[in-house]
Amino acid sequence: MSSINNKIAKLSPKKLKVRNRLKNKSIKDYEFPPVSRLILLYLTSLIFYFFNIISGFIFVTALLFLFIFLIIHYSNLRKKSNSNRVFVMPFLLPFLIVLYEFPIIFFDEYKFLVTSFNQPEEIISGTNIYFLSVKEDTVSNIQNEKEVRNIYATNHQEIYEIVPVTNFIRYTSKNQFIYELVGLKNPEFEQYYQDISAYIGSDNTLIKEFLSRKNSQGNSAGLALVLSSYLIEQNFQNDILIGVTGSVNKSGKVEEVGYIKEKILSAERSGLTFIIVPNKNIIEANEIKDDLNLSINIIGVSKIDEAIQLIEDLHNGKN
């Protein structure tokens, strides 16, 4: 012991000052840099993942290694500081990140997103208002697009498009999986649900059932739901087969939707006379009609009131 004290006594005042400062350094001085570095590495790995540079397995493995490093770091820190403090907070955020991202490894097998024909649906029987949707399938463990086409051809299913699944699509699917796992709907769909329910303001059980479907995650049924509800409430007899697609907000505006080409093809194939689309989609819709030489009548609307007036005008022979 005396020899150690002698060595310390021989230290220069400057070195002794540095030694005492390190010895007395608070445990808090060590806490945040490793966590911040982990967050930075997490975000960097996430960017690499989004750009398809790394797979989900590598992404999650990297997070696990970072988390293990953090455990080792704080275990050593605890020993050096002779502290009995439990390091909960430094572990909490990294642990939640790993827990949230872990399911992504199960989505690596998704290879192609296939859109195909889906029969237009009359939400309320007798209204002749048909909701246009597109069937989406995720194909797993098949590397060749030609093989995908052969499978659908064997099952006599018409394919609209085959899109290679990107990591961004996988990540979105993973998030949706987590929402459903904890009993939540997609926040965007939840807002759409509230907007539709507030605008319709009716107790129509059929519409409520439609909105409550487990797989109802899109918002393009909004306009069809409102028009169907209006026809029932007004006891209006619609004899014209009308396909409808369009999202609506609580102020009654009709918003742009996707898969316009596929929906027009579905309406044409099903023998619908007219299709109502958002005004924001009308240019694209007319180009598709001309390019494919289709016979269906396409009309754009920007507000719900315009769509209602349009149906009335069609029955009065004004269109």
C-alpha atoms as a PDB file:
ATOM      1  CA  MET A   1       0.000   0.000   0.000  1.00  0.00           C
ATOM      2  CA  SER A   2       2.840   2.339   0.893  1.00  0.00           C
ATOM      3  CA  SER A   3       4.496   1.676  -2.469  1.00  0.00           C
ATOM      4  CA  ILE A   4       1.306   2.711  -4.255  1.00  0.00           C
ATOM      5  CA  ASN A   5       1.120   5.888  -2.194  1.00  0.00           C
ATOM      6  CA  ASN A   6       4.770   6.614  -3.014  1.00  0.00           C
ATOM      7  CA  LYS A   7       4.053   6.252  -6.746  1.00  0.00           C
ATOM      8  CA  ILE A   8       1.106   8.606  -6.459  1.00  0.00           C
ATOM      9  CA  ALA A   9       3.229  11.087  -4.542  1.00  0.00           C
ATOM     10  CA  LYS A  10       5.804  11.049  -7.358  1.00  0.00           C
ATOM     11  CA  LEU A  11       3.221  12.084  -9.926  1.00  0.00           C
ATOM     12  CA  SER A  12       3.478  15.623 -11.156  1.00  0.00           C
ATOM     13  CA  PRO A  13       0.744  18.029  -9.982  1.00  0.00           C
ATOM     14  CA  LYS A  14      -0.667  18.134 -13.530  1.00  0.00           C
ATOM     15  CA  LYS A  15      -0.913  14.319 -13.856  1.00  0.00           C
ATOM     16  CA  LEU A  16      -2.299  14.063 -10.344  1.00  0.00           C
ATOM     17  CA  LYS A  17      -5.009  16.558 -11.200  1.00  0.00           C
ATOM     18  CA  VAL A  18      -6.010  14.579 -14.329  1.00  0.00           C
ATOM     19  CA  ARG A  19      -6.046  11.329 -12.326  1.00  0.00           C
ATOM     20  CA  ASN A  20      -8.319  12.791  -9.663  1.00  0.00           C
ATOM     21  CA  ARG A  21     -10.649  14.263 -12.284  1.00  0.00           C
ATOM     22  CA  LEU A  22     -11.055  10.854 -13.965  1.00  0.00           C
ATOM     23  CA  LYS A  23     -11.542   9.162 -10.624  1.00  0.00           C
ATOM     24  CA  ASN A  24     -14.250  11.573  -9.556  1.00  0.00           C
ATOM     25  CA  LYS A  25     -16.004  11.637 -12.916  1.00  0.00           C
ATOM     26  CA  SER A  26     -19.716  11.092 -12.491  1.00  0.00           C
ATOM     27  CA  ILE A  27     -21.374   8.042 -13.979  1.00  0.00           C
ATOM     28  CA  LYS A  28     -23.719  10.421 -15.813  1.00  0.00           C
ATOM     29  CA  ASP A  29     -20.782  11.616 -17.905  1.00  0.00           C
ATOM     30  CA  TYR A  30     -20.666   8.199 -19.573  1.00  0.00           C
ATOM     31  CA  GLU A  31     -24.319   7.569 -20.118  1.00  0.00           C
ATOM     32  CA  PHE A  32     -25.357   9.491 -23.162  1.00  0.00           C
ATOM     33  CA  PRO A  33     -22.560   9.231 -25.777  1.00  0.00           C
ATOM     34  CA  PRO A  34     -22.987   5.441 -26.360  1.00  0.00           C
ATOM     35  CA  VAL A  35     -26.779   5.776 -26.646  1.00  0.00           C
ATOM     36  CA  SER A  36     -26.463   8.667 -29.074  1.00  0.00           C
ATOM     37  CA  ARG A  37     -23.985   6.720 -31.147  1.00  0.00           C
ATOM     38  CA  LEU A  38     -26.329   3.759 -31.181  1.00  0.00           C
ATOM     39  CA  ILE A  39     -29.183   5.970 -32.392  1.00  0.00           C
ATOM     40  CA  LEU A  40     -26.936   7.391 -35.112  1.00  0.00           C
ATOM     41  CA  LEU A  41     -25.877   3.910 -36.221  1.00  0.00           C
ATOM     42  CA  TYR A  42     -29.510   2.783 -36.129  1.00  0.00           C
ATOM     43  CA  LEU A  43     -30.588   5.618 -38.422  1.00  0.00           C
ATOM     44  CA  THR A  44     -27.641   4.951 -40.726  1.00  0.00           C
ATOM     45  CA  SER A  45     -28.530   1.251 -40.925  1.00  0.00           C
ATOM     46  CA  LEU A  46     -32.151   2.161 -41.580  1.00  0.00           C
ATOM     47  CA  ILE A  47     -31.129   4.371 -44.502  1.00  0.00           C
ATOM     48  CA  PHE A  48     -28.996   1.542 -45.914  1.00  0.00           C
ATOM     49  CA  TYR A  49     -32.002  -0.743 -45.546  1.00  0.00           C
ATOM     50  CA  PHE A  50     -34.376   1.665 -47.303  1.00  0.00           C
ATOM     51  CA  PHE A  51     -31.937   1.919 -50.214  1.00  0.00           C
ATOM     52  CA  ASN A  52     -31.862  -1.905 -50.464  1.00  0.00           C
ATOM     53  CA  ILE A  53     -28.161  -2.019 -49.601  1.00  0.00           C
ATOM     54  CA  ILE A  54     -28.692  -4.451 -46.727  1.00  0.00           C
ATOM     55  CA  SER A  55     -31.360  -7.053 -45.977  1.00  0.00           C
ATOM     56  CA  GLY A  56     -33.734  -7.097 -43.039  1.00  0.00           C
ATOM     57  CA  PHE A  57     -31.712  -9.891 -41.438  1.00  0.00           C
ATOM     58  CA  ILE A  58     -28.492  -7.854 -41.579  1.00  0.00           C
ATOM     59  CA  PHE A  59     -30.340  -4.756 -40.344  1.00  0.00           C
ATOM     60  CA  VAL A  60     -31.741  -6.539 -37.270  1.00  0.00           C
ATOM     61  CA  THR A  61     -28.455  -8.377 -36.622  1.00  0.00           C
ATOM     62  CA  ALA A  62     -26.627  -5.036 -36.593  1.00  0.00           C
ATOM     63  CA  LEU A  63     -29.123  -3.665 -34.065  1.00  0.00           C
ATOM     64  CA  LEU A  64     -28.676  -6.721 -31.844  1.00  0.00           C
ATOM     65  CA  PHE A  65     -24.883  -6.350 -31.893  1.00  0.00           C
ATOM     66  CA  LEU A  66     -25.202  -2.671 -31.029  1.00  0.00           C
ATOM     67  CA  PHE A  67     -27.532  -3.509 -28.162  1.00  0.00           C
ATOM     68  CA  ILE A  68     -25.121  -6.180 -26.851  1.00  0.00           C
ATOM     69  CA  PHE A  69     -22.283  -3.659 -27.085  1.00  0.00           C
ATOM     70  CA  LEU A  70     -24.342  -1.242 -25.010  1.00  0.00           C
ATOM     71  CA  ILE A  71     -24.950  -3.894 -22.341  1.00  0.00           C
ATOM     72  CA  ILE A  72     -21.222  -4.685 -22.134  1.00  0.00           C
ATOM     73  CA  HIS A  73     -20.324  -0.999 -22.060  1.00  0.00           C
ATOM     74  CA  TYR A  74     -22.604  -0.170 -19.150  1.00  0.00           C
ATOM     75  CA  SER A  75     -21.684  -3.334 -17.272  1.00  0.00           C
ATOM     76  CA  ASN A  76     -18.032  -2.302 -17.378  1.00  0.00           C
ATOM     77  CA  LEU A  77     -18.968   1.244 -16.496  1.00  0.00           C
ATOM     78  CA  ARG A  78     -20.886   0.045 -13.478  1.00  0.00           C
ATOM     79  CA  LYS A  79     -17.884  -1.935 -12.242  1.00  0.00           C
ATOM     80  CA  LYS A  80     -15.506   0.993 -12.721  1.00  0.00           C
ATOM     81  CA  SER A  81     -17.788   3.376 -10.864  1.00  0.00           C
ATOM     82  CA  ASN A  82     -18.461   0.913  -8.031  1.00  0.00           C
ATOM     83  CA  SER A  83     -22.118   1.835  -8.398  1.00  0.00           C
ATOM     84  CA  ASN A  84     -25.067  -0.408  -7.606  1.00  0.00           C
ATOM     85  CA  ARG A  85     -27.296   1.708  -9.778  1.00  0.00           C
ATOM     86  CA  VAL A  86     -29.484  -0.195 -12.233  1.00  0.00           C
ATOM     87  CA  PHE A  87     -29.044   1.216 -15.737  1.00  0.00           C
ATOM     88  CA  VAL A  88     -32.638   1.123 -16.912  1.00  0.00           C
ATOM     89  CA  MET A  89     -33.000   4.304 -18.935  1.00  0.00           C
ATOM     90  CA  PRO A  90     -29.919   3.840 -21.176  1.00  0.00           C
ATOM     91  CA  PHE A  91     -31.248   0.403 -22.166  1.00  0.00           C
ATOM     92  CA  LEU A  92     -34.922   1.255 -22.557  1.00  0.00           C
ATOM     93  CA  LEU A  93     -34.863   3.129 -25.881  1.00  0.00           C
ATOM     94  CA  PRO A  94     -32.419   0.726 -27.622  1.00  0.00           C
ATOM     95  CA  PHE A  95     -34.435  -2.243 -26.359  1.00  0.00           C
ATOM     96  CA  LEU A  96     -37.676  -0.780 -27.729  1.00  0.00           C
ATOM     97  CA  ILE A  97     -35.994  -0.096 -31.081  1.00  0.00           C
ATOM     98  CA  VAL A  98     -34.775  -3.696 -31.358  1.00  0.00           C
ATOM     99  CA  LEU A  99     -38.186  -5.004 -30.307  1.00  0.00           C
ATOM    100  CA  TYR A 100     -39.974  -2.811 -32.866  1.00  0.00           C
ATOM    101  CA  GLU A 101     -37.664  -3.635 -35.764  1.00  0.00           C
ATOM    102  CA  PHE A 102     -37.155  -7.349 -35.097  1.00  0.00           C
ATOM    103  CA  PRO A 103     -40.198  -8.566 -37.142  1.00  0.00           C
ATOM    104  CA  ILE A 104     -38.631  -7.121 -40.316  1.00  0.00           C
ATOM    105  CA  ILE A 105     -36.557 -10.295 -40.729  1.00  0.00           C
ATOM    106  CA  PHE A 106     -39.743 -12.213 -41.539  1.00  0.00           C
ATOM    107  CA  PHE A 107     -40.464  -9.939 -44.507  1.00  0.00           C
ATOM    108  CA  ASP A 108     -37.230 -10.657 -46.406  1.00  0.00           C
ATOM    109  CA  GLU A 109     -38.990 -13.511 -48.179  1.00  0.00           C
ATOM    110  CA  TYR A 110     -41.410 -11.096 -49.912  1.00  0.00           C
ATOM    111  CA  LYS A 111     -40.214 -10.839 -53.524  1.00  0.00           C
ATOM    112  CA  PHE A 112     -43.042  -9.501 -55.712  1.00  0.00           C
ATOM    113  CA  LEU A 113     -46.198  -7.452 -55.313  1.00  0.00           C
ATOM    114  CA  VAL A 114     -48.836  -8.583 -57.812  1.00  0.00           C
ATOM    115  CA  THR A 115     -51.938  -6.572 -58.687  1.00  0.00           C
ATOM    116  CA  SER A 116     -54.783  -8.386 -60.373  1.00  0.00           C
ATOM    117  CA  PHE A 117     -58.487  -8.170 -61.182  1.00  0.00           C
ATOM    118  CA  ASN A 118     -60.877  -7.783 -58.257  1.00  0.00           C
ATOM    119  CA  GLN A 119     -64.615  -7.942 -58.867  1.00  0.00           C
ATOM    120  CA  PRO A 120     -66.262  -4.509 -58.298  1.00  0.00           C
ATOM    121  CA  GLU A 121     -68.382  -4.608 -55.156  1.00  0.00           C
ATOM    122  CA  GLU A 122     -71.855  -3.172 -54.675  1.00  0.00           C
ATOM    123  CA  ILE A 123     -71.555  -2.034 -51.068  1.00  0.00           C
ATOM    124  CA  ILE A 124     -75.332  -1.714 -50.609  1.00  0.00           C
ATOM    125  CA  SER A 125     -77.403  -4.009 -52.788  1.00  0.00           C
ATOM    126  CA  GLY A 126     -79.730  -2.221 -55.206  1.00  0.00           C
ATOM    127  CA  THR A 127     -77.823   1.074 -55.387  1.00  0.00           C
ATOM    128  CA  ASN A 128     -75.822   0.074 -58.494  1.00  0.00           C
ATOM    129  CA  ILE A 129     -72.870   1.963 -56.999  1.00  0.00           C
ATOM    130  CA  TYR A 130     -69.819  -0.264 -57.285  1.00  0.00           C
ATOM    131  CA  PHE A 131     -66.665   0.220 -55.269  1.00  0.00           C
ATOM    132  CA  LEU A 132     -63.594  -0.373 -57.438  1.00  0.00           C
ATOM    133  CA  SER A 133     -60.632  -2.057 -55.817  1.00  0.00           C
ATOM    134  CA  VAL A 134     -57.549  -3.961 -56.881  1.00  0.00           C
ATOM    135  CA  LYS A 135     -56.420  -7.312 -55.563  1.00  0.00           C
ATOM    136  CA  GLU A 136     -52.913  -7.181 -54.134  1.00  0.00           C
ATOM    137  CA  ASP A 137     -50.881 -10.306 -53.454  1.00  0.00           C
ATOM    138  CA  THR A 138     -47.411 -10.569 -52.005  1.00  0.00           C
ATOM    139  CA  VAL A 139     -45.434 -13.426 -53.542  1.00  0.00           C
ATOM    140  CA  SER A 140     -42.756 -15.036 -51.388  1.00  0.00           C
ATOM    141  CA  ASN A 141     -39.659 -17.093 -52.148  1.00  0.00           C
ATOM    142  CA  ILE A 142     -39.958 -16.852 -55.939  1.00  0.00           C
ATOM    143  CA  GLN A 143     -37.077 -15.071 -57.643  1.00  0.00           C
ATOM    144  CA  ASN A 144     -38.311 -15.231 -61.246  1.00  0.00           C
ATOM    145  CA  GLU A 145     -41.096 -12.966 -62.545  1.00  0.00           C
ATOM    146  CA  LYS A 146     -41.851 -15.434 -65.326  1.00  0.00           C
ATOM    147  CA  GLU A 147     -42.585 -18.117 -62.744  1.00  0.00           C
ATOM    148  CA  VAL A 148     -45.041 -15.763 -61.032  1.00  0.00           C
ATOM    149  CA  ARG A 149     -46.892 -15.222 -64.315  1.00  0.00           C
ATOM    150  CA  ASN A 150     -47.062 -18.959 -64.916  1.00  0.00           C
ATOM    151  CA  ILE A 151     -48.617 -19.532 -61.495  1.00  0.00           C
ATOM    152  CA  TYR A 152     -51.326 -16.932 -62.109  1.00  0.00           C
ATOM    153  CA  ALA A 153     -51.970 -18.221 -65.623  1.00  0.00           C
ATOM    154  CA  THR A 154     -52.456 -21.727 -64.230  1.00  0.00           C
ATOM    155  CA  ASN A 155     -55.056 -20.357 -61.813  1.00  0.00           C
ATOM    156  CA  HIS A 156     -56.723 -18.336 -64.617  1.00  0.00           C
ATOM    157  CA  GLN A 157     -56.065 -15.024 -62.853  1.00  0.00           C
ATOM    158  CA  GLU A 158     -55.536 -11.847 -64.857  1.00  0.00           C
ATOM    159  CA  ILE A 159     -52.417  -9.956 -63.802  1.00  0.00           C
ATOM    160  CA  TYR A 160     -52.267  -6.177 -64.102  1.00  0.00           C
ATOM    161  CA  GLU A 161     -48.746  -5.581 -62.851  1.00  0.00           C
ATOM    162  CA  ILE A 162     -45.851  -7.337 -61.119  1.00  0.00           C
ATOM    163  CA  VAL A 163     -43.658  -5.082 -58.986  1.00  0.00           C
ATOM    164  CA  PRO A 164     -40.458  -6.225 -57.244  1.00  0.00           C
ATOM    165  CA  VAL A 165     -40.833  -5.706 -53.500  1.00  0.00           C
ATOM    166  CA  THR A 166     -38.439  -3.087 -52.136  1.00  0.00           C
ATOM    167  CA  ASN A 167     -37.301  -2.798 -48.552  1.00  0.00           C
ATOM    168  CA  PHE A 168     -39.481   0.277 -48.165  1.00  0.00           C
ATOM    169  CA  ILE A 169     -42.534  -1.840 -49.053  1.00  0.00           C
ATOM    170  CA  ARG A 170     -41.364  -4.519 -46.617  1.00  0.00           C
ATOM    171  CA  TYR A 171     -40.946  -1.921 -43.885  1.00  0.00           C
ATOM    172  CA  THR A 172     -44.447  -0.549 -44.482  1.00  0.00           C
ATOM    173  CA  SER A 173     -45.842  -4.085 -44.333  1.00  0.00           C
ATOM    174  CA  LYS A 174     -43.981  -4.689 -41.087  1.00  0.00           C
ATOM    175  CA  ASN A 175     -45.484  -1.561 -39.547  1.00  0.00           C
ATOM    176  CA  GLN A 176     -48.961  -2.646 -40.644  1.00  0.00           C
ATOM    177  CA  PHE A 177     -48.338  -6.054 -39.075  1.00  0.00           C
ATOM    178  CA  ILE A 178     -47.443  -4.400 -35.764  1.00  0.00           C
ATOM    179  CA  TYR A 179     -50.542  -2.163 -35.880  1.00  0.00           C
ATOM    180  CA  GLU A 180     -52.742  -5.220 -36.310  1.00  0.00           C
ATOM    181  CA  LEU A 181     -50.817  -7.194 -33.693  1.00  0.00           C
ATOM    182  CA  VAL A 182     -51.540  -4.617 -30.995  1.00  0.00           C
ATOM    183  CA  GLY A 183     -55.114  -4.110 -32.164  1.00  0.00           C
ATOM    184  CA  LEU A 184     -54.631  -0.783 -33.950  1.00  0.00           C
ATOM    185  CA  LYS A 185     -55.563   0.299 -37.446  1.00  0.00           C
ATOM    186  CA  ASN A 186     -53.310   2.239 -39.742  1.00  0.00           C
ATOM    187  CA  PRO A 187     -53.449   5.903 -38.507  1.00  0.00           C
ATOM    188  CA  GLU A 188     -54.271   7.074 -42.048  1.00  0.00           C
ATOM    189  CA  PHE A 189     -57.149   4.605 -42.286  1.00  0.00           C
ATOM    190  CA  GLU A 190     -58.332   5.547 -38.790  1.00  0.00           C
ATOM    191  CA  GLN A 191     -58.594   9.201 -39.887  1.00  0.00           C
ATOM    192  CA  TYR A 192     -60.449   8.125 -43.025  1.00  0.00           C
ATOM    193  CA  TYR A 193     -62.819   6.033 -40.885  1.00  0.00           C
ATOM    194  CA  GLN A 194     -63.612   9.062 -38.703  1.00  0.00           C
ATOM    195  CA  ASP A 195     -64.084  11.375 -41.708  1.00  0.00           C
ATOM    196  CA  ILE A 196     -66.497   8.982 -43.428  1.00  0.00           C
ATOM    197  CA  SER A 197     -68.459   8.261 -40.256  1.00  0.00           C
ATOM    198  CA  ALA A 198     -68.785  11.976 -39.494  1.00  0.00           C
ATOM    199  CA  TYR A 199     -69.843  12.891 -43.038  1.00  0.00           C
ATOM    200  CA  ILE A 200     -72.375  10.098 -43.569  1.00  0.00           C
ATOM    201  CA  GLY A 201     -73.930  10.626 -40.160  1.00  0.00           C
ATOM    202  CA  SER A 202     -76.140   7.538 -40.482  1.00  0.00           C
ATOM    203  CA  ASP A 203     -76.586   4.256 -38.675  1.00  0.00           C
ATOM    204  CA  ASN A 204     -76.479   2.139 -41.818  1.00  0.00           C
ATOM    205  CA  THR A 205     -75.223  -1.195 -40.542  1.00  0.00           C
ATOM    206  CA  LEU A 206     -73.947  -2.331 -43.954  1.00  0.00           C
ATOM    207  CA  ILE A 207     -71.625   0.655 -44.218  1.00  0.00           C
ATOM    208  CA  LYS A 208     -70.448   0.206 -40.646  1.00  0.00           C
ATOM    209  CA  GLU A 209     -69.697  -3.423 -41.377  1.00  0.00           C
ATOM    210  CA  PHE A 210     -67.734  -2.432 -44.486  1.00  0.00           C
ATOM    211  CA  LEU A 211     -65.648   0.081 -42.530  1.00  0.00           C
ATOM    212  CA  SER A 212     -65.027  -2.456 -39.779  1.00  0.00           C
ATOM    213  CA  ARG A 213     -63.627  -5.145 -42.047  1.00  0.00           C
ATOM    214  CA  LYS A 214     -60.319  -6.523 -40.902  1.00  0.00           C
ATOM    215  CA  ASN A 215     -58.706  -5.993 -44.311  1.00  0.00           C
ATOM    216  CA  SER A 216     -60.186  -2.533 -44.964  1.00  0.00           C
ATOM    217  CA  GLN A 217     -56.966  -0.534 -44.958  1.00  0.00           C
ATOM    218  CA  GLY A 218     -57.353   1.621 -48.059  1.00  0.00           C
ATOM    219  CA  ASN A 219     -59.305   4.855 -48.285  1.00  0.00           C
ATOM    220  CA  SER A 220     -60.462   4.783 -51.912  1.00  0.00           C
ATOM    221  CA  ALA A 221     -63.921   3.471 -50.958  1.00  0.00           C
ATOM    222  CA  GLY A 222     -64.876   6.784 -49.362  1.00  0.00           C
ATOM    223  CA  LEU A 223     -66.824   8.282 -52.267  1.00  0.00           C
ATOM    224  CA  ALA A 224     -68.630   5.009 -53.022  1.00  0.00           C
ATOM    225  CA  LEU A 225     -69.675   4.735 -49.369  1.00  0.00           C
ATOM    226  CA  VAL A 226     -71.052   8.274 -49.278  1.00  0.00           C
ATOM    227  CA  LEU A 227     -72.969   7.886 -52.562  1.00  0.00           C
ATOM    228  CA  SER A 228     -74.422   4.536 -51.492  1.00  0.00           C
ATOM    229  CA  SER A 229     -75.557   6.039 -48.200  1.00  0.00           C
ATOM    230  CA  TYR A 230     -77.095   9.052 -49.971  1.00  0.00           C
ATOM    231  CA  LEU A 231     -79.134   6.899 -52.367  1.00  0.00           C
ATOM    232  CA  ILE A 232     -80.528   4.837 -49.495  1.00  0.00           C
ATOM    233  CA  GLU A 233     -81.369   7.850 -47.331  1.00  0.00           C
ATOM    234  CA  GLN A 234     -83.048   9.716 -50.206  1.00  0.00           C
ATOM    235  CA  ASN A 235     -84.778   6.568 -51.468  1.00  0.00           C
ATOM    236  CA  PHE A 236     -83.305   7.386 -54.892  1.00  0.00           C
ATOM    237  CA  GLN A 237     -83.554   4.601 -57.454  1.00  0.00           C
ATOM    238  CA  ASN A 238     -80.336   4.409 -59.455  1.00  0.00           C
ATOM    239  CA  ASP A 239     -80.615   2.235 -62.571  1.00  0.00           C
ATOM    240  CA  ILE A 240     -77.197   3.055 -64.032  1.00  0.00           C
ATOM    241  CA  LEU A 241     -74.208   0.825 -63.280  1.00  0.00           C
ATOM    242  CA  ILE A 242     -71.560   3.190 -61.916  1.00  0.00           C
ATOM    243  CA  GLY A 243     -68.063   2.322 -60.765  1.00  0.00           C
ATOM    244  CA  VAL A 244     -66.684   4.705 -58.142  1.00  0.00           C
ATOM    245  CA  THR A 245     -63.256   5.337 -56.676  1.00  0.00           C
ATOM    246  CA  GLY A 246     -62.106   8.277 -54.606  1.00  0.00           C
ATOM    247  CA  SER A 247     -61.074   9.206 -51.109  1.00  0.00           C
ATOM    248  CA  VAL A 248     -63.058  11.914 -49.302  1.00  0.00           C
ATOM    249  CA  ASN A 249     -62.284  14.155 -46.358  1.00  0.00           C
ATOM    250  CA  LYS A 250     -64.679  15.533 -43.757  1.00  0.00           C
ATOM    251  CA  SER A 251     -65.176  18.748 -45.733  1.00  0.00           C
ATOM    252  CA  GLY A 252     -66.524  16.789 -48.706  1.00  0.00           C
ATOM    253  CA  LYS A 253     -63.565  17.086 -51.078  1.00  0.00           C
ATOM    254  CA  VAL A 254     -62.719  14.107 -53.271  1.00  0.00           C
ATOM    255  CA  GLU A 255     -59.029  13.242 -53.068  1.00  0.00           C
ATOM    256  CA  GLU A 256     -56.657  11.484 -55.458  1.00  0.00           C
ATOM    257  CA  VAL A 257     -56.267   7.693 -55.317  1.00  0.00           C
ATOM    258  CA  GLY A 258     -53.925   5.103 -56.783  1.00  0.00           C
ATOM    259  CA  TYR A 259     -54.239   2.156 -59.162  1.00  0.00           C
ATOM    260  CA  ILE A 260     -56.410   4.136 -61.599  1.00  0.00           C
ATOM    261  CA  LYS A 261     -55.425   2.016 -64.592  1.00  0.00           C
ATOM    262  CA  GLU A 262     -56.279  -1.226 -62.806  1.00  0.00           C
ATOM    263  CA  LYS A 263     -59.614   0.132 -61.578  1.00  0.00           C
ATOM    264  CA  ILE A 264     -60.631   1.342 -65.036  1.00  0.00           C
ATOM    265  CA  LEU A 265     -59.783  -2.065 -66.498  1.00  0.00           C
ATOM    266  CA  SER A 266     -61.833  -3.768 -63.778  1.00  0.00           C
ATOM    267  CA  ALA A 267     -64.817  -1.502 -64.468  1.00  0.00           C
ATOM    268  CA  GLU A 268     -64.571  -2.108 -68.224  1.00  0.00           C
ATOM    269  CA  ARG A 269     -64.278  -5.849 -67.787  1.00  0.00           C
ATOM    270  CA  SER A 270     -67.298  -5.923 -65.448  1.00  0.00           C
ATOM    271  CA  GLY A 271     -69.540  -4.078 -67.897  1.00  0.00           C
ATOM    272  CA  LEU A 272     -70.034  -0.906 -65.875  1.00  0.00           C
ATOM    273  CA  THR A 273     -71.395   2.021 -67.888  1.00  0.00           C
ATOM    274  CA  PHE A 274     -69.698   4.873 -66.055  1.00  0.00           C
ATOM    275  CA  ILE A 275     -66.810   5.357 -63.699  1.00  0.00           C
ATOM    276  CA  ILE A 276     -66.484   8.339 -61.356  1.00  0.00           C
ATOM    277  CA  VAL A 277     -62.918   9.280 -60.406  1.00  0.00           C
ATOM    278  CA  PRO A 278     -61.314  12.219 -58.561  1.00  0.00           C
ATOM    279  CA  ASN A 279     -60.596  15.241 -60.740  1.00  0.00           C
ATOM    280  CA  LYS A 280     -56.936  14.884 -59.786  1.00  0.00           C
ATOM    281  CA  ASN A 281     -56.919  11.518 -61.577  1.00  0.00           C
ATOM    282  CA  ILE A 282     -59.003  12.491 -64.624  1.00  0.00           C
ATOM    283  CA  ILE A 283     -56.101  13.322 -66.981  1.00  0.00           C
ATOM    284  CA  GLU A 284     -54.396  10.007 -66.253  1.00  0.00           C
ATOM    285  CA  ALA A 285     -57.733   8.185 -66.558  1.00  0.00           C
ATOM    286  CA  ASN A 286     -58.527   9.658 -69.987  1.00  0.00           C
ATOM    287  CA  GLU A 287     -55.030   8.868 -71.253  1.00  0.00           C
ATOM    288  CA  ILE A 288     -55.487   5.249 -70.177  1.00  0.00           C
ATOM    289  CA  LYS A 289     -58.877   5.097 -71.869  1.00  0.00           C
ATOM    290  CA  ASP A 290     -57.460   6.443 -75.146  1.00  0.00           C
ATOM    291  CA  ASP A 291     -54.322   4.287 -75.073  1.00  0.00           C
ATOM    292  CA  LEU A 292     -56.298   1.086 -74.469  1.00  0.00           C
ATOM    293  CA  ASN A 293     -59.250   2.084 -76.671  1.00  0.00           C
ATOM    294  CA  LEU A 294     -61.807   1.511 -73.898  1.00  0.00           C
ATOM    295  CA  SER A 295     -65.513   2.298 -74.200  1.00  0.00           C
ATOM    296  CA  ILE A 296     -66.371   3.136 -70.585  1.00  0.00           C
ATOM    297  CA  ASN A 297     -67.415   6.720 -69.765  1.00  0.00           C
ATOM    298  CA  ILE A 298     -65.075   8.394 -67.279  1.00  0.00           C
ATOM    299  CA  ILE A 299     -66.162  11.470 -65.305  1.00  0.00           C
ATOM    300  CA  GLY A 300     -64.122  13.419 -62.760  1.00  0.00           C
ATOM    301  CA  VAL A 301     -65.447  15.152 -59.647  1.00  0.00           C
ATOM    302  CA  SER A 302     -63.779  17.286 -56.996  1.00  0.00           C
ATOM    303  CA  LYS A 303     -66.537  17.315 -54.356  1.00  0.00           C
ATOM    304  CA  ILE A 304     -69.140  14.903 -53.047  1.00  0.00           C
ATOM    305  CA  ASP A 305     -71.940  17.294 -54.047  1.00  0.00           C
ATOM    306  CA  GLU A 306     -70.718  17.172 -57.660  1.00  0.00           C
ATOM    307  CA  ALA A 307     -70.899  13.376 -57.643  1.00  0.00           C
ATOM    308  CA  ILE A 308     -74.446  13.430 -56.253  1.00  0.00           C
ATOM    309  CA  GLN A 309     -75.518  15.992 -58.852  1.00  0.00           C
ATOM    310  CA  LEU A 310     -73.841  13.925 -61.551  1.00  0.00           C
ATOM    311  CA  ILE A 311     -75.912  10.843 -60.703  1.00  0.00           C
ATOM    312  CA  GLU A 312     -79.095  12.904 -60.747  1.00  0.00           C
ATOM    313  CA  ASP A 313     -78.142  14.458 -64.103  1.00  0.00           C
ATOM    314  CA  LEU A 314     -77.434  11.030 -65.589  1.00  0.00           C
ATOM    315  CA  HIS A 315     -80.967   9.959 -64.729  1.00  0.00           C
ATOM    316  CA  ASN A 316     -82.393  13.159 -66.138  1.00  0.00           C
ATOM    317  CA  GLY A 317     -80.540  12.615 -69.410  1.00  0.00           C
ATOM    318  CA  LYS A 318     -78.309  15.669 -69.051  1.00  0.00           C
ATOM    319  CA  ASN A 319     -75.079  13.701 -69.604  1.00  0.00           C
END
